[in-house]
Amino acid sequence: MNYLNAAKAWEESTGEGVTVAVIDDGVDGSHPDLKRNVLNGRNFTGSAGEANAETKNDHGTAMAGLIAAHGSGADGEN
C-alpha cells in the first residue's frame, strides 16, 4: 500500500459507489476477498463455450482482487 501511496489516494476517494470493469478471463465472485464486491460478469478471453464468469487460470480474479478485494485474510473473516 505504501508503494501505491494509497493513503493519499483515499483522501480523494475510497471508491465507494464506483463500478470498474475487468476485461479478462472471468472472476471468481465466491473468493473470500471478493464476496459482496463483484457483480456477475462473463469471460472475455474468447474461448468457445466459456462465455460465463468462471475462470480457469485465476488471472481475472487476481486483477479484480487488486481493484476490489476487502482483505478478508487467511481465515476468511472480515
C-alpha atoms as a PDB file:
ATOM      1  CA  MET A   1       0.000   0.000   0.000  1.00  0.00           C
ATOM      2  CA  ASN A   2       2.930   2.342   0.589  1.00  0.00           C
ATOM      3  CA  TYR A   3       4.181   1.822  -2.979  1.00  0.00           C
ATOM      4  CA  LEU A   4       0.770   2.808  -4.337  1.00  0.00           C
ATOM      5  CA  ASN A   5       0.522   5.746  -1.924  1.00  0.00           C
ATOM      6  CA  ALA A   6      -2.972   4.532  -1.071  1.00  0.00           C
ATOM      7  CA  ALA A   7      -3.395   6.838   1.925  1.00  0.00           C
ATOM      8  CA  LYS A   8      -3.051   9.886  -0.324  1.00  0.00           C
ATOM      9  CA  ALA A   9      -5.479   8.443  -2.886  1.00  0.00           C
ATOM     10  CA  TRP A  10      -8.010   7.691  -0.142  1.00  0.00           C
ATOM     11  CA  GLU A  11      -8.022  11.411   0.743  1.00  0.00           C
ATOM     12  CA  GLU A  12      -9.771  11.898  -2.620  1.00  0.00           C
ATOM     13  CA  SER A  13     -11.926   8.755  -2.768  1.00  0.00           C
ATOM     14  CA  THR A  14     -12.206   5.280  -1.297  1.00  0.00           C
ATOM     15  CA  GLY A  15     -14.068   4.048  -4.372  1.00  0.00           C
ATOM     16  CA  GLU A  16     -17.497   3.888  -2.757  1.00  0.00           C
ATOM     17  CA  GLY A  17     -20.168   3.817  -5.441  1.00  0.00           C
ATOM     18  CA  VAL A  18     -17.650   3.222  -8.240  1.00  0.00           C
ATOM     19  CA  THR A  19     -18.073   0.356 -10.720  1.00  0.00           C
ATOM     20  CA  VAL A  20     -14.993  -0.896 -12.577  1.00  0.00           C
ATOM     21  CA  ALA A  21     -14.949  -3.363 -15.486  1.00  0.00           C
ATOM     22  CA  VAL A  22     -12.280  -6.059 -15.614  1.00  0.00           C
ATOM     23  CA  ILE A  23     -11.928  -7.190 -19.249  1.00  0.00           C
ATOM     24  CA  ASP A  24     -10.247 -10.517 -18.615  1.00  0.00           C
ATOM     25  CA  ASP A  25     -10.921 -14.235 -18.231  1.00  0.00           C
ATOM     26  CA  GLY A  26     -13.632 -14.071 -15.602  1.00  0.00           C
ATOM     27  CA  VAL A  27     -13.736 -13.534 -11.847  1.00  0.00           C
ATOM     28  CA  ASP A  28     -14.438 -15.984  -9.042  1.00  0.00           C
ATOM     29  CA  GLY A  29     -17.021 -13.944  -7.128  1.00  0.00           C
ATOM     30  CA  SER A  30     -17.103 -16.549  -4.350  1.00  0.00           C
ATOM     31  CA  HIS A  31     -13.492 -15.774  -3.389  1.00  0.00           C
ATOM     32  CA  PRO A  32     -13.471 -14.666   0.289  1.00  0.00           C
ATOM     33  CA  ASP A  33     -11.791 -11.342  -0.566  1.00  0.00           C
ATOM     34  CA  LEU A  34     -14.270 -10.536  -3.328  1.00  0.00           C
ATOM     35  CA  LYS A  35     -17.624 -11.622  -1.871  1.00  0.00           C
ATOM     36  CA  ARG A  36     -20.068  -8.710  -1.877  1.00  0.00           C
ATOM     37  CA  ASN A  37     -17.671  -6.656  -4.025  1.00  0.00           C
ATOM     38  CA  VAL A  38     -18.178  -8.029  -7.550  1.00  0.00           C
ATOM     39  CA  LEU A  39     -21.135  -8.278  -9.901  1.00  0.00           C
ATOM     40  CA  ASN A  40     -21.959 -11.166 -12.217  1.00  0.00           C
ATOM     41  CA  GLY A  41     -19.944 -10.958 -15.386  1.00  0.00           C
ATOM     42  CA  ARG A  42     -18.551 -13.012 -18.209  1.00  0.00           C
ATOM     43  CA  ASN A  43     -15.325 -14.453 -19.564  1.00  0.00           C
ATOM     44  CA  PHE A  44     -13.834 -12.218 -22.292  1.00  0.00           C
ATOM     45  CA  THR A  45     -10.985 -14.490 -23.399  1.00  0.00           C
ATOM     46  CA  GLY A  46     -12.892 -15.560 -26.488  1.00  0.00           C
ATOM     47  CA  SER A  47     -12.706 -19.272 -25.722  1.00  0.00           C
ATOM     48  CA  ALA A  48     -15.647 -21.075 -27.323  1.00  0.00           C
ATOM     49  CA  GLY A  49     -18.220 -22.222 -24.818  1.00  0.00           C
ATOM     50  CA  GLU A  50     -16.721 -20.192 -21.994  1.00  0.00           C
ATOM     51  CA  ALA A  51     -18.901 -17.089 -22.013  1.00  0.00           C
ATOM     52  CA  ASN A  52     -19.664 -17.233 -18.286  1.00  0.00           C
ATOM     53  CA  ALA A  53     -17.895 -15.584 -15.380  1.00  0.00           C
ATOM     54  CA  GLU A  54     -15.879 -18.656 -14.394  1.00  0.00           C
ATOM     55  CA  THR A  55     -12.107 -18.544 -14.664  1.00  0.00           C
ATOM     56  CA  LYS A  56      -9.586 -21.268 -15.386  1.00  0.00           C
ATOM     57  CA  ASN A  57      -6.288 -19.545 -14.642  1.00  0.00           C
ATOM     58  CA  ASP A  58      -7.394 -17.046 -11.962  1.00  0.00           C
ATOM     59  CA  HIS A  59      -5.949 -14.032 -13.800  1.00  0.00           C
ATOM     60  CA  GLY A  60      -9.258 -12.164 -13.880  1.00  0.00           C
ATOM     61  CA  THR A  61      -9.787 -12.971 -10.202  1.00  0.00           C
ATOM     62  CA  ALA A  62      -6.311 -11.656  -9.378  1.00  0.00           C
ATOM     63  CA  MET A  63      -6.938  -8.406 -11.275  1.00  0.00           C
ATOM     64  CA  ALA A  64     -10.325  -7.961  -9.595  1.00  0.00           C
ATOM     65  CA  GLY A  65      -8.553  -8.549  -6.278  1.00  0.00           C
ATOM     66  CA  LEU A  66      -6.231  -5.609  -6.963  1.00  0.00           C
ATOM     67  CA  ILE A  67      -9.263  -3.436  -7.606  1.00  0.00           C
ATOM     68  CA  ALA A  68     -11.971  -4.658  -5.238  1.00  0.00           C
ATOM     69  CA  ALA A  69     -10.683  -7.047  -2.570  1.00  0.00           C
ATOM     70  CA  HIS A  70     -11.565  -6.199   1.009  1.00  0.00           C
ATOM     71  CA  GLY A  71      -8.735  -8.197   2.623  1.00  0.00           C
ATOM     72  CA  SER A  72     -10.545 -10.945   4.499  1.00  0.00           C
ATOM     73  CA  GLY A  73      -7.274 -12.644   5.369  1.00  0.00           C
ATOM     74  CA  ALA A  74      -6.402 -16.341   5.552  1.00  0.00           C
ATOM     75  CA  ASP A  75      -9.298 -17.204   7.883  1.00  0.00           C
ATOM     76  CA  GLY A  76     -11.896 -15.642   5.575  1.00  0.00           C
ATOM     77  CA  GLU A  77     -13.063 -13.186   8.243  1.00  0.00           C
ATOM     78  CA  ASN A  78     -13.878  -9.547   7.533  1.00  0.00           C
END
